[in-house]
PDB file of N, CA and C in Angstrom:
ATOM      1  N   MET A   1      -6.382  -5.795  -6.599  1.00  0.00           N
ATOM      2  CA  MET A   1      -5.068  -5.445  -6.066  1.00  0.00           C
ATOM      3  C   MET A   1      -5.131  -4.391  -4.988  1.00  0.00           C
ATOM      4  N   LEU A   2      -4.350  -4.507  -3.948  1.00  0.00           N
ATOM      5  CA  LEU A   2      -4.262  -3.470  -2.901  1.00  0.00           C
ATOM      6  C   LEU A   2      -3.030  -2.733  -2.990  1.00  0.00           C
ATOM      7  N   LEU A   3      -2.977  -1.360  -2.912  1.00  0.00           N
ATOM      8  CA  LEU A   3      -1.826  -0.658  -2.990  1.00  0.00           C
ATOM      9  C   LEU A   3      -1.352  -0.389  -1.477  1.00  0.00           C
ATOM     10  N   CYS A   4      -0.132  -0.744  -1.137  1.00  0.00           N
ATOM     11  CA  CYS A   4       0.364  -0.647   0.198  1.00  0.00           C
ATOM     12  C   CYS A   4       1.675   0.015   0.159  1.00  0.00           C
ATOM     13  N   ALA A   5       1.997   0.840   1.223  1.00  0.00           N
ATOM     14  CA  ALA A   5       3.308   1.519   1.318  1.00  0.00           C
ATOM     15  C   ALA A   5       4.015   0.857   2.499  1.00  0.00           C
ATOM     16  N   THR A   6       5.267   0.793   2.369  1.00  0.00           N
ATOM     17  CA  THR A   6       6.169   0.440   3.443  1.00  0.00           C
ATOM     18  C   THR A   6       6.121   1.543   4.577  1.00  0.00           C
ATOM     19  N   GLY A   7       6.580   1.132   5.744  1.00  0.00           N
ATOM     20  CA  GLY A   7       6.722   2.031   6.816  1.00  0.00           C
ATOM     21  C   GLY A   7       7.712   3.237   6.678  1.00  0.00           C
ATOM     22  N   THR A   8       8.691   2.971   5.689  1.00  0.00           N
ATOM     23  CA  THR A   8       9.620   3.983   5.388  1.00  0.00           C
ATOM     24  C   THR A   8       9.118   4.981   4.415  1.00  0.00           C
ATOM     25  N   GLY A   9       8.063   4.595   3.675  1.00  0.00           N
ATOM     26  CA  GLY A   9       7.445   5.424   2.626  1.00  0.00           C
ATOM     27  C   GLY A   9       8.301   5.498   1.359  1.00  0.00           C
ATOM     28  N   ARG A  10       9.213   4.674   1.170  1.00  0.00           N
ATOM     29  CA  ARG A  10      10.058   4.599   0.088  1.00  0.00           C
ATOM     30  C   ARG A  10       9.728   3.595  -1.027  1.00  0.00           C
ATOM     31  N   GLU A  11       8.744   2.879  -0.750  1.00  0.00           N
ATOM     32  CA  GLU A  11       8.252   1.760  -1.617  1.00  0.00           C
ATOM     33  C   GLU A  11       6.713   1.614  -1.614  1.00  0.00           C
ATOM     34  N   LEU A  12       6.233   1.366  -2.804  1.00  0.00           N
ATOM     35  CA  LEU A  12       4.787   0.981  -2.744  1.00  0.00           C
ATOM     36  C   LEU A  12       4.665  -0.544  -3.305  1.00  0.00           C
ATOM     37  N   TRP A  13       3.889  -1.279  -2.727  1.00  0.00           N
ATOM     38  CA  TRP A  13       3.595  -2.622  -3.097  1.00  0.00           C
ATOM     39  C   TRP A  13       2.120  -2.815  -3.555  1.00  0.00           C
ATOM     40  N   MET A  14       1.962  -3.592  -4.618  1.00  0.00           N
ATOM     41  CA  MET A  14       0.624  -3.922  -5.055  1.00  0.00           C
ATOM     42  C   MET A  14       0.430  -5.463  -4.743  1.00  0.00           C
ATOM     43  N   VAL A  15      -0.425  -5.801  -3.886  1.00  0.00           N
ATOM     44  CA  VAL A  15      -0.593  -7.161  -3.483  1.00  0.00           C
ATOM     45  C   VAL A  15      -2.032  -7.632  -3.797  1.00  0.00           C
ATOM     46  N   PRO A  16      -2.214  -8.963  -4.068  1.00  0.00           N
ATOM     47  CA  PRO A  16      -3.599  -9.390  -4.305  1.00  0.00           C
ATOM     48  C   PRO A  16      -4.533  -9.181  -3.107  1.00  0.00           C
ATOM     49  N   ARG A  17      -5.744  -8.835  -3.329  1.00  0.00           N
ATOM     50  CA  ARG A  17      -6.743  -8.633  -2.228  1.00  0.00           C
ATOM     51  C   ARG A  17      -6.874  -9.996  -1.458  1.00  0.00           C
ATOM     52  N   PRO A  18      -6.752  -9.874  -0.192  1.00  0.00           N
ATOM     53  CA  PRO A  18      -6.877 -11.138   0.634  1.00  0.00           C
ATOM     54  C   PRO A  18      -8.238 -11.868   0.444  1.00  0.00           C
ATOM     55  N   LYS A  19      -8.162 -13.120   0.409  1.00  0.00           N
ATOM     56  CA  LYS A  19      -9.406 -13.981   0.360  1.00  0.00           C
ATOM     57  C   LYS A  19      -9.684 -14.514   1.693  1.00  0.00           C
ATOM     58  N   GLY A  20     -10.892 -14.914   1.871  1.00  0.00           N
ATOM     59  CA  GLY A  20     -11.146 -15.550   3.142  1.00  0.00           C
ATOM     60  C   GLY A  20     -12.027 -14.627   4.121  1.00  0.00           C
ATOM     61  N   ARG A  21     -12.003 -15.046   5.279  1.00  0.00           N
ATOM     62  CA  ARG A  21     -12.900 -14.418   6.299  1.00  0.00           C
ATOM     63  C   ARG A  21     -12.187 -13.112   6.864  1.00  0.00           C
ATOM     64  N   VAL A  22     -13.012 -12.126   6.956  1.00  0.00           N
ATOM     65  CA  VAL A  22     -12.528 -10.850   7.612  1.00  0.00           C
ATOM     66  C   VAL A  22     -13.008 -10.960   9.000  1.00  0.00           C
ATOM     67  N   ARG A  23     -11.984 -10.661   9.968  1.00  0.00           N
ATOM     68  CA  ARG A  23     -12.318 -10.666  11.362  1.00  0.00           C
ATOM     69  C   ARG A  23     -12.267  -9.277  12.005  1.00  0.00           C
ATOM     70  N   LYS A  24     -13.225  -9.060  12.899  1.00  0.00           N
ATOM     71  CA  LYS A  24     -13.168  -7.870  13.578  1.00  0.00           C
ATOM     72  C   LYS A  24     -11.912  -7.683  14.455  1.00  0.00           C
ATOM     73  N   LEU A  25     -11.364  -6.481  14.436  1.00  0.00           N
ATOM     74  CA  LEU A  25      -9.998  -6.275  15.135  1.00  0.00           C
ATOM     75  C   LEU A  25     -10.358  -6.193  16.593  1.00  0.00           C
ATOM     76  N   THR A  26     -10.117  -7.310  17.390  1.00  0.00           N
ATOM     77  CA  THR A  26     -10.455  -7.340  18.855  1.00  0.00           C
ATOM     78  C   THR A  26      -9.221  -6.980  19.550  1.00  0.00           C
ATOM     79  N   ARG A  27      -9.352  -6.774  20.921  1.00  0.00           N
ATOM     80  CA  ARG A  27      -8.301  -6.440  21.818  1.00  0.00           C
ATOM     81  C   ARG A  27      -7.176  -7.551  21.811  1.00  0.00           C
ATOM     82  N   ASP A  28      -7.687  -8.852  21.791  1.00  0.00           N
ATOM     83  CA  ASP A  28      -6.818  -9.972  21.764  1.00  0.00           C
ATOM     84  C   ASP A  28      -5.942 -10.065  20.547  1.00  0.00           C
ATOM     85  N   ALA A  29      -6.498  -9.571  19.390  1.00  0.00           N
ATOM     86  CA  ALA A  29      -5.718  -9.612  18.114  1.00  0.00           C
ATOM     87  C   ALA A  29      -4.652  -8.457  18.002  1.00  0.00           C
ATOM     88  N   ARG A  30      -4.679  -7.557  18.962  1.00  0.00           N
ATOM     89  CA  ARG A  30      -3.759  -6.322  18.757  1.00  0.00           C
ATOM     90  C   ARG A  30      -2.361  -6.670  19.285  1.00  0.00           C
ATOM     91  N   THR A  31      -1.587  -7.227  18.424  1.00  0.00           N
ATOM     92  CA  THR A  31      -0.201  -7.533  18.707  1.00  0.00           C
ATOM     93  C   THR A  31       0.565  -6.126  18.486  1.00  0.00           C
ATOM     94  N   PRO A  32       1.843  -6.048  18.796  1.00  0.00           N
ATOM     95  CA  PRO A  32       2.552  -4.795  18.466  1.00  0.00           C
ATOM     96  C   PRO A  32       2.539  -4.498  17.040  1.00  0.00           C
ATOM     97  N   GLU A  33       2.673  -5.471  16.103  1.00  0.00           N
ATOM     98  CA  GLU A  33       2.680  -5.339  14.751  1.00  0.00           C
ATOM     99  C   GLU A  33       1.294  -4.776  14.248  1.00  0.00           C
ATOM    100  N   ILE A  34       0.262  -5.377  14.825  1.00  0.00           N
ATOM    101  CA  ILE A  34      -1.092  -4.983  14.419  1.00  0.00           C
ATOM    102  C   ILE A  34      -1.440  -3.487  14.963  1.00  0.00           C
ATOM    103  N   GLU A  35      -0.946  -3.216  16.154  1.00  0.00           N
ATOM    104  CA  GLU A  35      -1.060  -1.869  16.629  1.00  0.00           C
ATOM    105  C   GLU A  35      -0.321  -0.795  15.773  1.00  0.00           C
ATOM    106  N   HIS A  36       0.780  -1.171  15.286  1.00  0.00           N
ATOM    107  CA  HIS A  36       1.598  -0.221  14.391  1.00  0.00           C
ATOM    108  C   HIS A  36       0.778  -0.066  13.126  1.00  0.00           C
ATOM    109  N   ALA A  37       0.256  -1.153  12.544  1.00  0.00           N
ATOM    110  CA  ALA A  37      -0.525  -1.077  11.287  1.00  0.00           C
ATOM    111  C   ALA A  37      -1.774  -0.229  11.540  1.00  0.00           C
ATOM    112  N   ALA A  38      -2.452  -0.471  12.644  1.00  0.00           N
ATOM    113  CA  ALA A  38      -3.659   0.302  12.861  1.00  0.00           C
ATOM    114  C   ALA A  38      -3.450   1.830  13.006  1.00  0.00           C
ATOM    115  N   ARG A  39      -2.229   2.140  13.689  1.00  0.00           N
ATOM    116  CA  ARG A  39      -1.957   3.573  13.796  1.00  0.00           C
ATOM    117  C   ARG A  39      -1.603   4.231  12.360  1.00  0.00           C
ATOM    118  N   LEU A  40      -0.812   3.391  11.587  1.00  0.00           N
ATOM    119  CA  LEU A  40      -0.700   3.890  10.146  1.00  0.00           C
ATOM    120  C   LEU A  40      -1.843   4.077   9.458  1.00  0.00           C
ATOM    121  N   HIS A  41      -2.855   3.113   9.549  1.00  0.00           N
ATOM    122  CA  HIS A  41      -4.080   3.156   8.879  1.00  0.00           C
ATOM    123  C   HIS A  41      -4.895   4.511   9.306  1.00  0.00           C
ATOM    124  N   LYS A  42      -4.842   4.792  10.599  1.00  0.00           N
ATOM    125  CA  LYS A  42      -5.562   5.922  11.113  1.00  0.00           C
ATOM    126  C   LYS A  42      -4.848   7.268  10.564  1.00  0.00           C
ATOM    127  N   ARG A  43      -3.565   7.237  10.595  1.00  0.00           N
ATOM    128  CA  ARG A  43      -2.773   8.391  10.012  1.00  0.00           C
ATOM    129  C   ARG A  43      -3.073   8.633   8.549  1.00  0.00           C
ATOM    130  N   TRP A  44      -3.068   7.521   7.752  1.00  0.00           N
ATOM    131  CA  TRP A  44      -3.277   7.682   6.323  1.00  0.00           C
ATOM    132  C   TRP A  44      -4.744   7.905   5.921  1.00  0.00           C
ATOM    133  N   SER A  45      -5.698   7.366   6.635  1.00  0.00           N
ATOM    134  CA  SER A  45      -7.133   7.531   6.132  1.00  0.00           C
ATOM    135  C   SER A  45      -7.994   8.367   7.042  1.00  0.00           C
ATOM    136  N   ASP A  46      -7.573   8.596   8.184  1.00  0.00           N
ATOM    137  CA  ASP A  46      -8.298   9.406   9.188  1.00  0.00           C
ATOM    138  C   ASP A  46      -9.483   8.518   9.662  1.00  0.00           C
ATOM    139  N   PHE A  47      -9.443   7.240   9.595  1.00  0.00           N
ATOM    140  CA  PHE A  47     -10.421   6.265  10.066  1.00  0.00           C
ATOM    141  C   PHE A  47      -9.799   5.238  10.931  1.00  0.00           C
ATOM    142  N   GLU A  48     -10.530   4.789  11.970  1.00  0.00           N
ATOM    143  CA  GLU A  48      -9.957   3.709  12.812  1.00  0.00           C
ATOM    144  C   GLU A  48      -9.913   2.368  12.048  1.00  0.00           C
ATOM    145  N   ALA A  49      -8.933   1.576  12.269  1.00  0.00           N
ATOM    146  CA  ALA A  49      -8.866   0.215  11.635  1.00  0.00           C
ATOM    147  C   ALA A  49      -9.854  -0.621  12.460  1.00  0.00           C
ATOM    148  N   GLY A  50     -10.827  -1.207  11.792  1.00  0.00           N
ATOM    149  CA  GLY A  50     -11.884  -1.940  12.411  1.00  0.00           C
ATOM    150  C   GLY A  50     -11.825  -3.467  12.103  1.00  0.00           C
ATOM    151  N   THR A  51     -11.190  -3.825  10.984  1.00  0.00           N
ATOM    152  CA  THR A  51     -11.089  -5.218  10.647  1.00  0.00           C
ATOM    153  C   THR A  51      -9.694  -5.673  10.452  1.00  0.00           C
ATOM    154  N   LEU A  52      -9.473  -6.954  10.347  1.00  0.00           N
ATOM    155  CA  LEU A  52      -8.204  -7.572  10.304  1.00  0.00           C
ATOM    156  C   LEU A  52      -8.280  -8.542   9.097  1.00  0.00           C
ATOM    157  N   HIS A  53      -7.421  -8.480   8.128  1.00  0.00           N
ATOM    158  CA  HIS A  53      -7.203  -9.546   7.092  1.00  0.00           C
ATOM    159  C   HIS A  53      -5.942 -10.287   7.251  1.00  0.00           C
ATOM    160  N   SER A  54      -5.955 -11.543   7.245  1.00  0.00           N
ATOM    161  CA  SER A  54      -4.772 -12.370   7.243  1.00  0.00           C
ATOM    162  C   SER A  54      -4.519 -12.716   5.856  1.00  0.00           C
ATOM    163  N   ALA A  55      -3.260 -12.524   5.339  1.00  0.00           N
ATOM    164  CA  ALA A  55      -2.995 -12.818   3.977  1.00  0.00           C
ATOM    165  C   ALA A  55      -1.543 -13.243   3.825  1.00  0.00           C
ATOM    166  N   SER A  56      -1.330 -14.074   2.852  1.00  0.00           N
ATOM    167  CA  SER A  56       0.005 -14.493   2.483  1.00  0.00           C
ATOM    168  C   SER A  56       0.166 -14.251   0.979  1.00  0.00           C
ATOM    169  N   VAL A  57       1.361 -13.832   0.579  1.00  0.00           N
ATOM    170  CA  VAL A  57       1.683 -13.700  -0.831  1.00  0.00           C
ATOM    171  C   VAL A  57       2.915 -14.452  -1.194  1.00  0.00           C
ATOM    172  N   VAL A  58       2.963 -14.727  -2.509  1.00  0.00           N
ATOM    173  CA  VAL A  58       4.213 -15.370  -3.090  1.00  0.00           C
ATOM    174  C   VAL A  58       5.115 -14.311  -3.560  1.00  0.00           C
ATOM    175  N   VAL A  59       6.348 -14.263  -3.086  1.00  0.00           N
ATOM    176  CA  VAL A  59       7.361 -13.315  -3.476  1.00  0.00           C
ATOM    177  C   VAL A  59       8.557 -14.072  -4.135  1.00  0.00           C
ATOM    178  N   ASP A  60       8.696 -13.883  -5.462  1.00  0.00           N
ATOM    179  CA  ASP A  60       9.735 -14.442  -6.143  1.00  0.00           C
ATOM    180  C   ASP A  60      10.826 -13.519  -6.333  1.00  0.00           C
ATOM    181  N   SER A  61      11.930 -13.879  -7.108  1.00  0.00           N
ATOM    182  CA  SER A  61      12.993 -13.058  -7.568  1.00  0.00           C
ATOM    183  C   SER A  61      12.446 -11.879  -8.367  1.00  0.00           C
ATOM    184  N   PRO A  62      12.916 -10.605  -8.112  1.00  0.00           N
ATOM    185  CA  PRO A  62      12.391  -9.550  -8.826  1.00  0.00           C
ATOM    186  C   PRO A  62      12.626  -9.603 -10.331  1.00  0.00           C
ATOM    187  N   GLU A  63      11.649  -9.251 -11.184  1.00  0.00           N
ATOM    188  CA  GLU A  63      11.696  -9.136 -12.519  1.00  0.00           C
ATOM    189  C   GLU A  63      11.369  -7.723 -12.920  1.00  0.00           C
ATOM    190  N   ARG A  64      12.265  -6.958 -13.454  1.00  0.00           N
ATOM    191  CA  ARG A  64      12.025  -5.504 -13.886  1.00  0.00           C
ATOM    192  C   ARG A  64      11.021  -5.437 -14.974  1.00  0.00           C
ATOM    193  N   ILE A  65       9.959  -4.719 -14.714  1.00  0.00           N
ATOM    194  CA  ILE A  65       8.931  -4.535 -15.763  1.00  0.00           C
ATOM    195  C   ILE A  65       9.098  -3.225 -16.569  1.00  0.00           C
ATOM    196  N   GLY A  66       9.582  -2.117 -15.886  1.00  0.00           N
ATOM    197  CA  GLY A  66       9.970  -0.859 -16.614  1.00  0.00           C
ATOM    198  C   GLY A  66       9.620   0.374 -15.730  1.00  0.00           C
ATOM    199  N   ARG A  67       9.713   1.508 -16.419  1.00  0.00           N
ATOM    200  CA  ARG A  67       9.590   2.773 -15.717  1.00  0.00           C
ATOM    201  C   ARG A  67       8.100   3.075 -15.370  1.00  0.00           C
ATOM    202  N   VAL A  68       7.859   3.783 -14.219  1.00  0.00           N
ATOM    203  CA  VAL A  68       6.617   4.105 -13.813  1.00  0.00           C
ATOM    204  C   VAL A  68       6.338   5.536 -14.286  1.00  0.00           C
ATOM    205  N   VAL A  69       5.192   5.851 -14.929  1.00  0.00           N
ATOM    206  CA  VAL A  69       5.011   7.186 -15.349  1.00  0.00           C
ATOM    207  C   VAL A  69       3.849   7.829 -14.578  1.00  0.00           C
ATOM    208  N   SER A  70       2.960   7.005 -14.031  1.00  0.00           N
ATOM    209  CA  SER A  70       1.856   7.438 -13.112  1.00  0.00           C
ATOM    210  C   SER A  70       1.385   6.356 -12.245  1.00  0.00           C
ATOM    211  N   ILE A  71       0.840   6.723 -11.155  1.00  0.00           N
ATOM    212  CA  ILE A  71       0.259   5.806 -10.178  1.00  0.00           C
ATOM    213  C   ILE A  71      -1.177   6.245  -9.936  1.00  0.00           C
ATOM    214  N   ALA A  72      -2.135   5.392 -10.249  1.00  0.00           N
ATOM    215  CA  ALA A  72      -3.537   5.570 -10.164  1.00  0.00           C
ATOM    216  C   ALA A  72      -4.217   4.623  -9.219  1.00  0.00           C
ATOM    217  N   TYR A  73      -5.174   5.073  -8.316  1.00  0.00           N
ATOM    218  CA  TYR A  73      -5.790   4.177  -7.388  1.00  0.00           C
ATOM    219  C   TYR A  73      -7.144   4.794  -6.981  1.00  0.00           C
ATOM    220  N   ARG A  74      -7.926   4.023  -6.420  1.00  0.00           N
ATOM    221  CA  ARG A  74      -9.209   4.396  -5.812  1.00  0.00           C
ATOM    222  C   ARG A  74      -9.186   4.151  -4.359  1.00  0.00           C
ATOM    223  N   SER A  75      -9.695   5.155  -3.635  1.00  0.00           N
ATOM    224  CA  SER A  75      -9.688   5.078  -2.098  1.00  0.00           C
ATOM    225  C   SER A  75     -10.807   5.842  -1.519  1.00  0.00           C
ATOM    226  N   ASP A  76     -11.174   5.424  -0.339  1.00  0.00           N
ATOM    227  CA  ASP A  76     -12.228   6.172   0.465  1.00  0.00           C
ATOM    228  C   ASP A  76     -11.561   6.927   1.586  1.00  0.00           C
ATOM    229  N   LYS A  77     -10.219   7.130   1.481  1.00  0.00           N
ATOM    230  CA  LYS A  77      -9.528   7.876   2.535  1.00  0.00           C
ATOM    231  C   LYS A  77     -10.075   9.323   2.646  1.00  0.00           C
ATOM    232  N   TRP A  78     -10.048   9.781   3.846  1.00  0.00           N
ATOM    233  CA  TRP A  78     -10.433  11.200   4.299  1.00  0.00           C
ATOM    234  C   TRP A  78     -12.029  11.320   4.204  1.00  0.00           C
ATOM    235  N   SER A  79     -12.685  11.105   3.161  1.00  0.00           N
ATOM    236  CA  SER A  79     -14.114  11.369   3.056  1.00  0.00           C
ATOM    237  C   SER A  79     -15.053  10.222   3.407  1.00  0.00           C
ATOM    238  N   GLY A  80     -14.487   8.976   3.237  1.00  0.00           N
ATOM    239  CA  GLY A  80     -15.360   7.779   3.365  1.00  0.00           C
ATOM    240  C   GLY A  80     -16.099   7.495   2.128  1.00  0.00           C
ATOM    241  N   ARG A  81     -15.931   8.258   1.039  1.00  0.00           N
ATOM    242  CA  ARG A  81     -16.527   8.019  -0.279  1.00  0.00           C
ATOM    243  C   ARG A  81     -15.479   7.640  -1.185  1.00  0.00           C
ATOM    244  N   SER A  82     -15.670   6.659  -2.042  1.00  0.00           N
ATOM    245  CA  SER A  82     -14.650   6.208  -3.033  1.00  0.00           C
ATOM    246  C   SER A  82     -14.350   7.295  -3.896  1.00  0.00           C
ATOM    247  N   GLN A  83     -13.099   7.470  -4.152  1.00  0.00           N
ATOM    248  CA  GLN A  83     -12.616   8.601  -5.005  1.00  0.00           C
ATOM    249  C   GLN A  83     -11.390   8.064  -5.800  1.00  0.00           C
ATOM    250  N   ASP A  84     -11.207   8.535  -7.073  1.00  0.00           N
ATOM    251  CA  ASP A  84     -10.042   8.206  -7.851  1.00  0.00           C
ATOM    252  C   ASP A  84      -8.893   9.230  -7.589  1.00  0.00           C
ATOM    253  N   TYR A  85      -7.648   8.732  -7.549  1.00  0.00           N
ATOM    254  CA  TYR A  85      -6.461   9.549  -7.452  1.00  0.00           C
ATOM    255  C   TYR A  85      -5.493   9.103  -8.543  1.00  0.00           C
ATOM    256  N   GLU A  86      -4.717  10.083  -8.961  1.00  0.00           N
ATOM    257  CA  GLU A  86      -3.635   9.779  -9.950  1.00  0.00           C
ATOM    258  C   GLU A  86      -2.517  10.653  -9.616  1.00  0.00           C
ATOM    259  N   HIS A  87      -1.294  10.121  -9.526  1.00  0.00           N
ATOM    260  CA  HIS A  87      -0.089  10.878  -9.353  1.00  0.00           C
ATOM    261  C   HIS A  87       0.859  10.568 -10.436  1.00  0.00           C
ATOM    262  N   GLU A  88       1.257  11.706 -11.118  1.00  0.00           N
ATOM    263  CA  GLU A  88       2.287  11.674 -12.078  1.00  0.00           C
ATOM    264  C   GLU A  88       3.625  11.470 -11.549  1.00  0.00           C
ATOM    265  N   VAL A  89       4.464  10.625 -11.983  1.00  0.00           N
ATOM    266  CA  VAL A  89       5.813  10.408 -11.514  1.00  0.00           C
ATOM    267  C   VAL A  89       6.784  11.217 -12.182  1.00  0.00           C
ATOM    268  N   GLU A  90       7.426  12.163 -11.503  1.00  0.00           N
ATOM    269  CA  GLU A  90       8.446  13.069 -12.115  1.00  0.00           C
ATOM    270  C   GLU A  90       9.788  12.474 -12.498  1.00  0.00           C
ATOM    271  N   SER A  91      10.191  11.557 -11.614  1.00  0.00           N
ATOM    272  CA  SER A  91      11.586  10.933 -11.745  1.00  0.00           C
ATOM    273  C   SER A  91      11.542   9.835 -12.764  1.00  0.00           C
ATOM    274  N   ARG A  92      12.469   9.817 -13.704  1.00  0.00           N
ATOM    275  CA  ARG A  92      12.510   8.728 -14.607  1.00  0.00           C
ATOM    276  C   ARG A  92      13.066   7.372 -13.995  1.00  0.00           C
ATOM    277  N   ARG A  93      13.540   7.488 -12.788  1.00  0.00           N
ATOM    278  CA  ARG A  93      14.155   6.350 -12.181  1.00  0.00           C
ATOM    279  C   ARG A  93      13.149   5.506 -11.262  1.00  0.00           C
ATOM    280  N   VAL A  94      11.909   5.911 -11.155  1.00  0.00           N
ATOM    281  CA  VAL A  94      10.972   5.088 -10.475  1.00  0.00           C
ATOM    282  C   VAL A  94      10.620   3.880 -11.246  1.00  0.00           C
ATOM    283  N   GLN A  95      10.773   2.712 -10.753  1.00  0.00           N
ATOM    284  CA  GLN A  95      10.683   1.461 -11.552  1.00  0.00           C
ATOM    285  C   GLN A  95       9.601   0.529 -10.920  1.00  0.00           C
ATOM    286  N   LEU A  96       9.131  -0.318 -11.782  1.00  0.00           N
ATOM    287  CA  LEU A  96       8.104  -1.372 -11.442  1.00  0.00           C
ATOM    288  C   LEU A  96       8.745  -2.655 -11.574  1.00  0.00           C
ATOM    289  N   HIS A  97       8.673  -3.540 -10.513  1.00  0.00           N
ATOM    290  CA  HIS A  97       9.202  -4.932 -10.567  1.00  0.00           C
ATOM    291  C   HIS A  97       8.118  -5.854 -10.106  1.00  0.00           C
ATOM    292  N   ARG A  98       8.093  -7.015 -10.800  1.00  0.00           N
ATOM    293  CA  ARG A  98       7.156  -8.064 -10.470  1.00  0.00           C
ATOM    294  C   ARG A  98       7.906  -9.177  -9.605  1.00  0.00           C
ATOM    295  N   LEU A  99       7.309  -9.550  -8.513  1.00  0.00           N
ATOM    296  CA  LEU A  99       7.906 -10.558  -7.614  1.00  0.00           C
ATOM    297  C   LEU A  99       6.890 -11.674  -7.394  1.00  0.00           C
ATOM    298  N   GLY A 100       6.579 -12.490  -8.464  1.00  0.00           N
ATOM    299  CA  GLY A 100       5.617 -13.447  -8.290  1.00  0.00           C
ATOM    300  C   GLY A 100       4.252 -12.829  -8.288  1.00  0.00           C
ATOM    301  N   ASP A 101       3.411 -12.905  -7.189  1.00  0.00           N
ATOM    302  CA  ASP A 101       2.074 -12.442  -7.088  1.00  0.00           C
ATOM    303  C   ASP A 101       2.110 -10.942  -6.839  1.00  0.00           C
ATOM    304  N   VAL A 102       3.138 -10.356  -6.449  1.00  0.00           N
ATOM    305  CA  VAL A 102       3.106  -8.983  -6.059  1.00  0.00           C
ATOM    306  C   VAL A 102       3.952  -8.072  -6.909  1.00  0.00           C
ATOM    307  N   TYR A 103       3.736  -6.804  -6.838  1.00  0.00           N
ATOM    308  CA  TYR A 103       4.533  -5.811  -7.678  1.00  0.00           C
ATOM    309  C   TYR A 103       5.110  -4.780  -6.733  1.00  0.00           C
ATOM    310  N   ARG A 104       6.284  -4.268  -7.078  1.00  0.00           N
ATOM    311  CA  ARG A 104       6.954  -3.250  -6.178  1.00  0.00           C
ATOM    312  C   ARG A 104       7.329  -2.123  -7.016  1.00  0.00           C
ATOM    313  N   ILE A 105       6.997  -0.847  -6.480  1.00  0.00           N
ATOM    314  CA  ILE A 105       7.300   0.346  -7.041  1.00  0.00           C
ATOM    315  C   ILE A 105       8.376   1.072  -6.151  1.00  0.00           C
ATOM    316  N   THR A 106       9.490   1.376  -6.821  1.00  0.00           N
ATOM    317  CA  THR A 106      10.575   1.904  -5.933  1.00  0.00           C
ATOM    318  C   THR A 106      11.563   2.686  -6.774  1.00  0.00           C
ATOM    319  N   GLY A 107      12.392   3.494  -6.084  1.00  0.00           N
ATOM    320  CA  GLY A 107      13.499   4.224  -6.717  1.00  0.00           C
ATOM    321  C   GLY A 107      13.169   5.674  -7.025  1.00  0.00           C
ATOM    322  N   GLY A 108      14.190   6.415  -7.536  1.00  0.00           N
ATOM    323  CA  GLY A 108      13.941   7.750  -8.030  1.00  0.00           C
ATOM    324  C   GLY A 108      13.424   8.751  -7.065  1.00  0.00           C
ATOM    325  N   GLY A 109      13.688   8.559  -5.676  1.00  0.00           N
ATOM    326  CA  GLY A 109      13.235   9.541  -4.827  1.00  0.00           C
ATOM    327  C   GLY A 109      11.698   9.397  -4.470  1.00  0.00           C
ATOM    328  N   LEU A 110      11.205   8.288  -4.708  1.00  0.00           N
ATOM    329  CA  LEU A 110       9.793   8.034  -4.367  1.00  0.00           C
ATOM    330  C   LEU A 110       9.525   8.251  -2.979  1.00  0.00           C
ATOM    331  N   SER A 111       8.488   8.993  -2.568  1.00  0.00           N
ATOM    332  CA  SER A 111       8.133   9.246  -1.253  1.00  0.00           C
ATOM    333  C   SER A 111       6.647   9.239  -1.099  1.00  0.00           C
ATOM    334  N   VAL A 112       6.220   8.293  -0.166  1.00  0.00           N
ATOM    335  CA  VAL A 112       4.782   8.219   0.137  1.00  0.00           C
ATOM    336  C   VAL A 112       4.540   8.615   1.457  1.00  0.00           C
ATOM    337  N   THR A 113       3.649   9.658   1.709  1.00  0.00           N
ATOM    338  CA  THR A 113       3.259  10.189   2.894  1.00  0.00           C
ATOM    339  C   THR A 113       1.702  10.316   2.868  1.00  0.00           C
ATOM    340  N   PRO A 114       1.040  10.483   4.108  1.00  0.00           N
ATOM    341  CA  PRO A 114      -0.398  10.660   4.115  1.00  0.00           C
ATOM    342  C   PRO A 114      -0.855  11.786   3.153  1.00  0.00           C
ATOM    343  N   ALA A 115      -0.041  12.802   3.002  1.00  0.00           N
ATOM    344  CA  ALA A 115      -0.393  13.944   2.084  1.00  0.00           C
ATOM    345  C   ALA A 115      -0.365  13.513   0.602  1.00  0.00           C
ATOM    346  N   GLY A 116       0.376  12.415   0.322  1.00  0.00           N
ATOM    347  CA  GLY A 116       0.398  12.223  -1.131  1.00  0.00           C
ATOM    348  C   GLY A 116       1.654  11.387  -1.550  1.00  0.00           C
ATOM    349  N   ILE A 117       1.820  11.090  -2.797  1.00  0.00           N
ATOM    350  CA  ILE A 117       2.937  10.352  -3.452  1.00  0.00           C
ATOM    351  C   ILE A 117       3.698  11.376  -4.280  1.00  0.00           C
ATOM    352  N   THR A 118       5.000  11.332  -4.125  1.00  0.00           N
ATOM    353  CA  THR A 118       5.860  12.187  -4.949  1.00  0.00           C
ATOM    354  C   THR A 118       7.098  11.304  -5.359  1.00  0.00           C
ATOM    355  N   GLY A 119       7.743  11.767  -6.433  1.00  0.00           N
ATOM    356  CA  GLY A 119       8.966  11.014  -6.917  1.00  0.00           C
ATOM    357  C   GLY A 119       9.225  11.391  -8.302  1.00  0.00           C
TER     358      GLY A 119
END
């Protein structure tokens, strides 16, 4: 699963890892949406976006799973070396919902920034 944040920083989404071919991010592939995503990637990881994954996910009606107490993930952001991160969630109102193949974490003042996750 991949952990993704929305542009507003108020939601986290866990989506299945894309399958299929990875393409080099060429000048022709750089639509305004791709440019926006590439800028966010640079801001969050301090690395240039060099590849492009095309993915589609199934999103069904939300099913509440429960309260989130911590968020843990592995990333190579900043250093380029894989490192584990865990953020304890302070608000009792941060919730996890399943929507088919994806999961959404939202509520309770959740805030996602390049500096970290709070909520």
